[in-house]
Amino acid sequence: MNVFNRLKSNSTAGLKSRTPSPTEEYGPVLHEPKLTPPAHFTPVAPAPLDSEQEEKVARLREYMQSIMLPESHEYYPSEKGFLTDNTIKRYMRARKWEFEHAKTMLENTVRWRRDYRPDELDPNYIKPEVETGKMYYNGFDKCGRPVWIMRPRLQNSKDAERQIKHIVYCLERGIRLMPDLVENLAIIVDFKDSSAAHNPSVSTCKKFLDILGNHYPERLGVAFVVKSPWFFLTTFKIISPFMDPVTKNKIKFVIDGKDNKETKSLSNEMVHLEDYIDLDQLECDFGGHFNYQFELEPYWKLLLEKTGDPYKIIEYK
């Protein structure tokens, strides 16, 4: 009898000590991402403008209207939708309210958009870049920002031009996922199991930073780096001199319980993801409660439903 009780006790102890899998604790694996914002979030409101700043916005709006495409042009609706007051304010903030600098920057973007047509990139051309789930949207942070997840280990392409267009495509689709009063994104870069072979080239990183900084100013809200390896830290140190200090300070390194002296030497903030993203919006892989696994077709179908198939003209928030 005593032997039986000891066996029963040992069996129960074993069960209690076993960590339940995400499927057991948070339900079955789901393949449809969260692309609809939660009911409650707290957007980050830009500082109110003073009279001098309002006057500069009005002047820049007037100038941009003077160089817009004619209404008969096929791209006019897209250009008109892009040149909102919110866009003008972002460019002014990005250039510290220096009127001529902001004017040059915005004019360069408008001319780039006419040539590149970033909002009209063909989904069928982009789709091969998406197959592995190396870059996709899932969930929203506590400020209502769409969460853009990147996994370099799933890199599947050597086509540098299409890689850049894929990034631009994701930026445009992310803008279309933003709820009202939200104008930037949250990014999670997950380096788990990545090797140096997966690391984007320095030239590709610089091109991405150029497009993000010059044509999508103020669109990055925060970026989280998960399990940063030595090769990323090396690249980060190389490209950081090219980064705007404000952008650099938006990059946070996620605490994973390891004492990483190299990461600490970068002086960027160390954070916990759950302080920024509610657990029901955060994948189990990152310590959240959303038991999600990427599959191409369910993701692609929902993304196009939400953001336009093949594309959707919007007024830019």
Protein backbone atom coordinates (compact mmCIF):
# COMPACT_ATOMS: atom_id res chain seq x y z
CA MET A 1 0.00 0.00 0.00
CA ASN A 2 2.81 2.38 0.91
CA VAL A 3 4.55 1.51 -2.34
CA PHE A 4 1.36 2.26 -4.29
CA ASN A 5 0.97 5.62 -2.55
CA ARG A 6 4.58 6.53 -3.29
CA LEU A 7 4.12 5.63 -6.97
CA LYS A 8 0.89 7.65 -7.12
CA SER A 9 2.62 10.59 -5.42
CA ASN A 10 5.59 10.45 -7.77
CA SER A 11 3.27 10.25 -10.79
CA THR A 12 1.29 13.29 -9.63
CA ALA A 13 4.46 15.25 -8.96
CA GLY A 14 5.68 14.47 -12.45
CA LEU A 15 2.47 15.76 -13.97
CA LYS A 16 2.58 18.96 -11.93
CA SER A 17 6.15 19.72 -12.93
CA ARG A 18 5.57 19.32 -16.67
CA THR A 19 5.18 22.61 -18.53
CA PRO A 20 2.05 22.57 -20.69
CA SER A 21 2.52 23.18 -24.40
CA PRO A 22 1.02 26.34 -25.97
CA THR A 23 -1.67 24.15 -27.58
CA GLU A 24 -2.77 22.84 -24.20
CA GLU A 25 -2.63 26.20 -22.44
CA TYR A 26 -3.85 28.61 -25.13
CA GLY A 27 -5.93 26.42 -27.43
CA PRO A 28 -5.24 24.95 -30.88
CA VAL A 29 -2.76 26.44 -33.31
CA LEU A 30 -4.34 29.17 -35.45
CA HIS A 31 -3.25 30.23 -38.93
CA GLU A 32 -5.27 33.43 -39.35
CA PRO A 33 -3.38 36.45 -37.99
CA LYS A 34 -4.83 39.36 -36.02
CA LEU A 35 -5.17 42.14 -38.59
CA THR A 36 -8.10 43.90 -36.94
CA PRO A 37 -7.11 46.29 -34.13
CA PRO A 38 -8.27 45.52 -30.58
CA ALA A 39 -11.20 47.40 -29.10
CA HIS A 40 -8.98 49.29 -26.67
CA PHE A 41 -5.58 50.88 -27.24
CA THR A 42 -3.90 54.18 -26.37
CA PRO A 43 -2.53 55.96 -29.46
CA VAL A 44 0.49 58.22 -29.10
CA ALA A 45 -0.73 61.71 -29.97
CA PRO A 46 1.80 64.07 -31.60
CA ALA A 47 2.40 67.32 -29.75
CA PRO A 48 -0.07 70.07 -30.69
CA LEU A 49 1.22 72.63 -33.18
CA ASP A 50 1.92 76.22 -32.34
CA SER A 51 0.93 79.08 -34.66
CA GLU A 52 4.32 79.15 -36.40
CA GLN A 53 4.17 75.42 -37.11
CA GLU A 54 0.58 75.70 -38.39
CA GLU A 55 1.74 78.42 -40.76
CA LYS A 56 4.56 76.21 -42.08
CA VAL A 57 2.15 73.33 -42.66
CA ALA A 58 -0.14 75.66 -44.63
CA ARG A 59 2.78 76.94 -46.71
CA LEU A 60 4.02 73.45 -47.50
CA ARG A 61 0.50 72.28 -48.35
CA GLU A 62 0.14 75.20 -50.77
CA TYR A 63 3.48 74.44 -52.41
CA MET A 64 2.74 70.74 -52.81
CA GLN A 65 -0.63 71.51 -54.37
CA SER A 66 1.19 73.68 -56.93
CA ILE A 67 3.34 70.76 -58.14
CA MET A 68 0.75 67.97 -58.00
CA LEU A 69 -0.10 65.88 -61.01
CA PRO A 70 -3.06 67.11 -63.10
CA GLU A 71 -6.41 65.60 -62.12
CA SER A 72 -6.52 63.80 -65.49
CA HIS A 73 -3.37 61.78 -64.63
CA GLU A 74 -3.96 58.14 -63.69
CA TYR A 75 -1.85 58.45 -60.54
CA TYR A 76 -3.52 61.68 -59.33
CA PRO A 77 -5.94 59.97 -56.86
CA SER A 78 -3.03 58.17 -55.18
CA GLU A 79 -0.95 61.34 -54.98
CA LYS A 80 -3.86 63.33 -53.59
CA GLY A 81 -4.47 60.61 -50.97
CA PHE A 82 -0.82 60.68 -49.95
CA LEU A 83 -0.52 64.47 -49.59
CA THR A 84 -2.65 64.86 -46.48
CA ASP A 85 -1.98 67.25 -43.62
CA ASN A 86 -0.81 64.27 -41.56
CA THR A 87 1.82 63.48 -44.20
CA ILE A 88 2.97 67.11 -44.30
CA LYS A 89 3.27 67.23 -40.50
CA ARG A 90 5.35 64.03 -40.46
CA TYR A 91 7.81 65.50 -42.95
CA MET A 92 8.01 68.74 -41.00
CA ARG A 93 8.68 66.84 -37.75
CA ALA A 94 11.27 64.66 -39.48
CA ARG A 95 13.18 67.81 -40.53
CA LYS A 96 12.80 69.53 -37.15
CA TRP A 97 10.39 72.10 -38.66
CA GLU A 98 13.02 73.45 -41.03
CA PHE A 99 10.71 74.47 -43.88
CA GLU A 100 13.10 74.23 -46.83
CA HIS A 101 14.49 70.88 -45.67
CA ALA A 102 11.01 69.43 -45.24
CA LYS A 103 9.91 70.85 -48.60
CA THR A 104 12.85 69.23 -50.40
CA MET A 105 12.32 65.93 -48.60
CA LEU A 106 8.60 65.74 -49.39
CA GLU A 107 9.06 66.83 -52.99
CA ASN A 108 11.70 64.10 -53.45
CA THR A 109 9.27 61.53 -52.01
CA VAL A 110 6.45 62.64 -54.30
CA ARG A 111 8.70 62.27 -57.35
CA TRP A 112 9.95 58.90 -56.08
CA ARG A 113 6.38 57.68 -55.61
CA ARG A 114 5.41 58.71 -59.14
CA ASP A 115 8.22 56.54 -60.48
CA TYR A 116 8.22 53.67 -57.97
CA ARG A 117 4.44 53.45 -57.38
CA PRO A 118 4.97 51.85 -53.94
CA ASP A 119 1.24 51.62 -53.23
CA GLU A 120 0.62 49.77 -56.52
CA LEU A 121 3.25 47.02 -56.26
CA ASP A 122 1.84 43.81 -57.72
CA PRO A 123 0.95 41.25 -55.00
CA ASN A 124 1.72 38.41 -57.41
CA TYR A 125 5.25 39.76 -57.89
CA ILE A 126 5.74 40.12 -54.12
CA LYS A 127 4.15 36.82 -53.03
CA PRO A 128 7.25 34.59 -53.54
CA GLU A 129 9.04 36.71 -50.92
CA VAL A 130 6.26 35.96 -48.42
CA GLU A 131 6.14 32.16 -48.74
CA THR A 132 8.31 31.27 -45.75
CA GLY A 133 6.85 33.81 -43.32
CA LYS A 134 10.05 35.80 -43.05
CA MET A 135 8.04 39.02 -42.81
CA TYR A 136 4.35 39.43 -41.93
CA TYR A 137 1.87 41.35 -39.78
CA ASN A 138 0.21 39.89 -36.73
CA GLY A 139 -1.36 41.76 -33.80
CA PHE A 140 -1.23 45.33 -32.50
CA ASP A 141 0.72 46.88 -29.65
CA LYS A 142 -0.78 48.80 -26.72
CA CYS A 143 -0.63 52.01 -28.79
CA GLY A 144 -2.65 50.43 -31.63
CA ARG A 145 0.36 50.06 -33.93
CA PRO A 146 0.32 47.04 -36.30
CA VAL A 147 3.06 44.58 -35.31
CA TRP A 148 5.38 43.73 -38.21
CA ILE A 149 7.25 40.48 -37.52
CA MET A 150 10.55 39.70 -39.23
CA ARG A 151 12.42 36.38 -39.06
CA PRO A 152 15.74 36.56 -40.96
CA ARG A 153 16.34 32.80 -40.61
CA LEU A 154 13.49 32.26 -43.10
CA GLN A 155 15.18 34.26 -45.87
CA ASN A 156 14.31 32.55 -49.15
CA SER A 157 15.46 34.92 -51.87
CA LYS A 158 18.62 36.34 -53.40
CA ASP A 159 16.74 38.87 -55.54
CA ALA A 160 17.86 42.13 -53.87
CA GLU A 161 15.48 44.31 -55.91
CA ARG A 162 12.44 42.23 -55.00
CA GLN A 163 13.57 42.06 -51.36
CA ILE A 164 13.51 45.87 -51.19
CA LYS A 165 10.15 46.02 -52.98
CA HIS A 166 8.81 43.46 -50.50
CA ILE A 167 9.84 45.77 -47.63
CA VAL A 168 8.18 48.74 -49.34
CA TYR A 169 5.08 46.63 -49.99
CA CYS A 170 4.93 45.72 -46.30
CA LEU A 171 5.28 49.38 -45.28
CA GLU A 172 2.38 50.35 -47.53
CA ARG A 173 0.20 47.49 -46.30
CA GLY A 174 1.05 48.30 -42.70
CA ILE A 175 -0.14 51.87 -43.21
CA ARG A 176 -3.45 50.47 -44.44
CA LEU A 177 -3.78 48.34 -41.29
CA MET A 178 -3.38 51.34 -38.98
CA PRO A 179 -6.52 52.27 -37.04
CA ASP A 180 -7.61 55.89 -36.68
CA LEU A 181 -5.22 58.12 -34.70
CA VAL A 182 -2.32 55.70 -35.30
CA GLU A 183 0.41 56.62 -37.78
CA ASN A 184 3.34 54.29 -37.15
CA LEU A 185 4.38 50.65 -36.79
CA ALA A 186 5.86 48.32 -34.19
CA ILE A 187 8.47 45.86 -35.51
CA ILE A 188 9.71 42.62 -33.95
CA VAL A 189 12.93 41.25 -35.46
CA ASP A 190 13.31 37.66 -34.27
CA PHE A 191 16.86 36.38 -34.72
CA LYS A 192 16.19 32.98 -33.17
CA ASP A 193 18.23 30.28 -34.99
CA SER A 194 19.60 32.80 -37.47
CA SER A 195 23.09 32.55 -38.85
CA ALA A 196 25.33 35.07 -40.57
CA ALA A 197 24.22 33.61 -43.92
CA HIS A 198 20.69 34.89 -43.23
CA ASN A 199 21.84 38.40 -42.38
CA PRO A 200 20.89 40.99 -45.05
CA SER A 201 23.87 42.64 -46.72
CA VAL A 202 25.02 46.01 -45.44
CA SER A 203 24.02 47.55 -48.79
CA THR A 204 20.48 46.14 -48.48
CA CYS A 205 20.24 47.43 -44.89
CA LYS A 206 21.41 50.88 -45.97
CA LYS A 207 18.90 50.90 -48.85
CA PHE A 208 16.12 49.96 -46.44
CA LEU A 209 17.17 52.72 -44.01
CA ASP A 210 17.31 55.20 -46.89
CA ILE A 211 13.76 54.39 -48.00
CA LEU A 212 12.43 54.28 -44.44
CA GLY A 213 14.13 57.52 -43.41
CA ASN A 214 13.57 59.56 -46.56
CA HIS A 215 10.21 58.29 -47.84
CA TYR A 216 8.49 56.94 -44.70
CA PRO A 217 9.56 59.39 -41.98
CA GLU A 218 7.93 59.02 -38.56
CA ARG A 219 6.46 55.64 -39.58
CA LEU A 220 8.62 53.61 -37.19
CA GLY A 221 7.14 53.71 -33.70
CA VAL A 222 9.33 51.11 -32.02
CA ALA A 223 11.48 48.14 -33.08
CA PHE A 224 12.20 45.14 -30.84
CA VAL A 225 15.25 42.95 -31.43
CA VAL A 226 14.82 39.40 -30.09
CA LYS A 227 17.82 37.10 -29.48
CA SER A 228 20.30 39.41 -31.20
CA PRO A 229 23.34 37.42 -32.44
CA TRP A 230 26.89 38.69 -32.86
CA PHE A 231 26.56 39.24 -36.62
CA PHE A 232 23.55 41.52 -36.17
CA LEU A 233 25.40 43.51 -33.52
CA THR A 234 28.31 43.88 -35.95
CA THR A 235 26.00 45.08 -38.73
CA PHE A 236 24.16 47.37 -36.31
CA LYS A 237 27.43 49.01 -35.31
CA ILE A 238 28.30 49.52 -39.00
CA ILE A 239 24.97 51.04 -40.03
CA SER A 240 24.15 52.97 -36.85
CA PRO A 241 26.22 56.01 -37.94
CA PHE A 242 23.87 56.31 -40.92
CA MET A 243 20.79 56.25 -38.68
CA ASP A 244 18.97 59.28 -37.38
CA PRO A 245 19.49 59.38 -33.58
CA VAL A 246 15.72 59.47 -33.00
CA THR A 247 15.31 56.31 -35.10
CA LYS A 248 18.22 54.60 -33.36
CA ASN A 249 16.64 55.27 -29.95
CA LYS A 250 13.44 53.53 -31.07
CA ILE A 251 15.32 50.22 -31.29
CA LYS A 252 14.87 48.12 -28.14
CA PHE A 253 16.63 44.87 -27.27
CA VAL A 254 14.33 42.28 -25.70
CA ILE A 255 15.50 40.75 -22.43
CA ASP A 256 15.79 36.97 -22.77
CA GLY A 257 17.35 36.19 -19.39
CA LYS A 258 20.92 36.15 -20.72
CA ASP A 259 23.61 38.61 -19.75
CA ASN A 260 24.68 39.88 -23.17
CA LYS A 261 27.54 42.30 -22.60
CA GLU A 262 27.76 43.16 -26.31
CA THR A 263 24.11 44.20 -26.42
CA LYS A 264 24.46 46.31 -23.30
CA SER A 265 27.43 48.10 -24.85
CA LEU A 266 25.14 49.49 -27.57
CA SER A 267 23.38 51.69 -24.97
CA ASN A 268 19.93 50.90 -26.43
CA GLU A 269 17.14 50.14 -23.98
CA MET A 270 16.55 46.57 -22.74
CA VAL A 271 12.83 45.76 -22.46
CA HIS A 272 10.16 43.09 -21.92
CA LEU A 273 7.76 42.67 -24.87
CA GLU A 274 4.70 42.27 -22.63
CA ASP A 275 5.21 45.84 -21.42
CA TYR A 276 4.50 47.01 -24.97
CA ILE A 277 2.15 44.35 -26.41
CA ASP A 278 -0.83 42.76 -24.64
CA LEU A 279 -0.41 39.00 -24.25
CA ASP A 280 -3.51 38.20 -26.33
CA GLN A 281 -1.93 40.14 -29.23
CA LEU A 282 1.49 38.53 -28.81
CA GLU A 283 2.49 35.18 -30.30
CA CYS A 284 3.43 32.30 -27.97
CA ASP A 285 6.91 32.33 -29.52
CA PHE A 286 7.46 35.70 -27.85
CA GLY A 287 5.89 34.80 -24.51
CA GLY A 288 2.34 35.79 -25.42
CA HIS A 289 -0.94 33.88 -25.43
CA PHE A 290 -1.77 33.90 -29.16
CA ASN A 291 -1.03 30.40 -30.46
CA TYR A 292 -0.29 31.34 -34.06
CA GLN A 293 1.70 29.62 -36.78
CA PHE A 294 2.28 31.28 -40.14
CA GLU A 295 0.76 29.69 -43.24
CA LEU A 296 0.96 31.56 -46.53
CA GLU A 297 -2.54 31.24 -47.98
CA PRO A 298 -4.62 32.20 -44.91
CA TYR A 299 -2.28 35.13 -44.20
CA TRP A 300 -2.15 36.38 -47.80
CA LYS A 301 -5.90 36.11 -48.29
CA LEU A 302 -6.67 38.09 -45.13
CA LEU A 303 -3.98 40.71 -45.80
CA LEU A 304 -5.36 41.44 -49.27
CA GLU A 305 -8.93 41.56 -47.91
CA LYS A 306 -7.87 44.15 -45.36
CA THR A 307 -5.50 46.24 -47.48
CA GLY A 308 -6.68 45.88 -51.08
CA ASP A 309 -6.44 43.33 -53.88
CA PRO A 310 -4.39 44.23 -55.84
CA TYR A 311 -4.20 47.56 -53.95
CA LYS A 312 -6.34 50.23 -52.30
CA ILE A 313 -6.15 54.03 -52.57
CA ILE A 314 -6.44 55.67 -49.16
CA GLU A 315 -5.99 59.00 -47.41
CA TYR A 316 -2.76 58.60 -45.47
CA LYS A 317 -3.08 58.84 -41.70
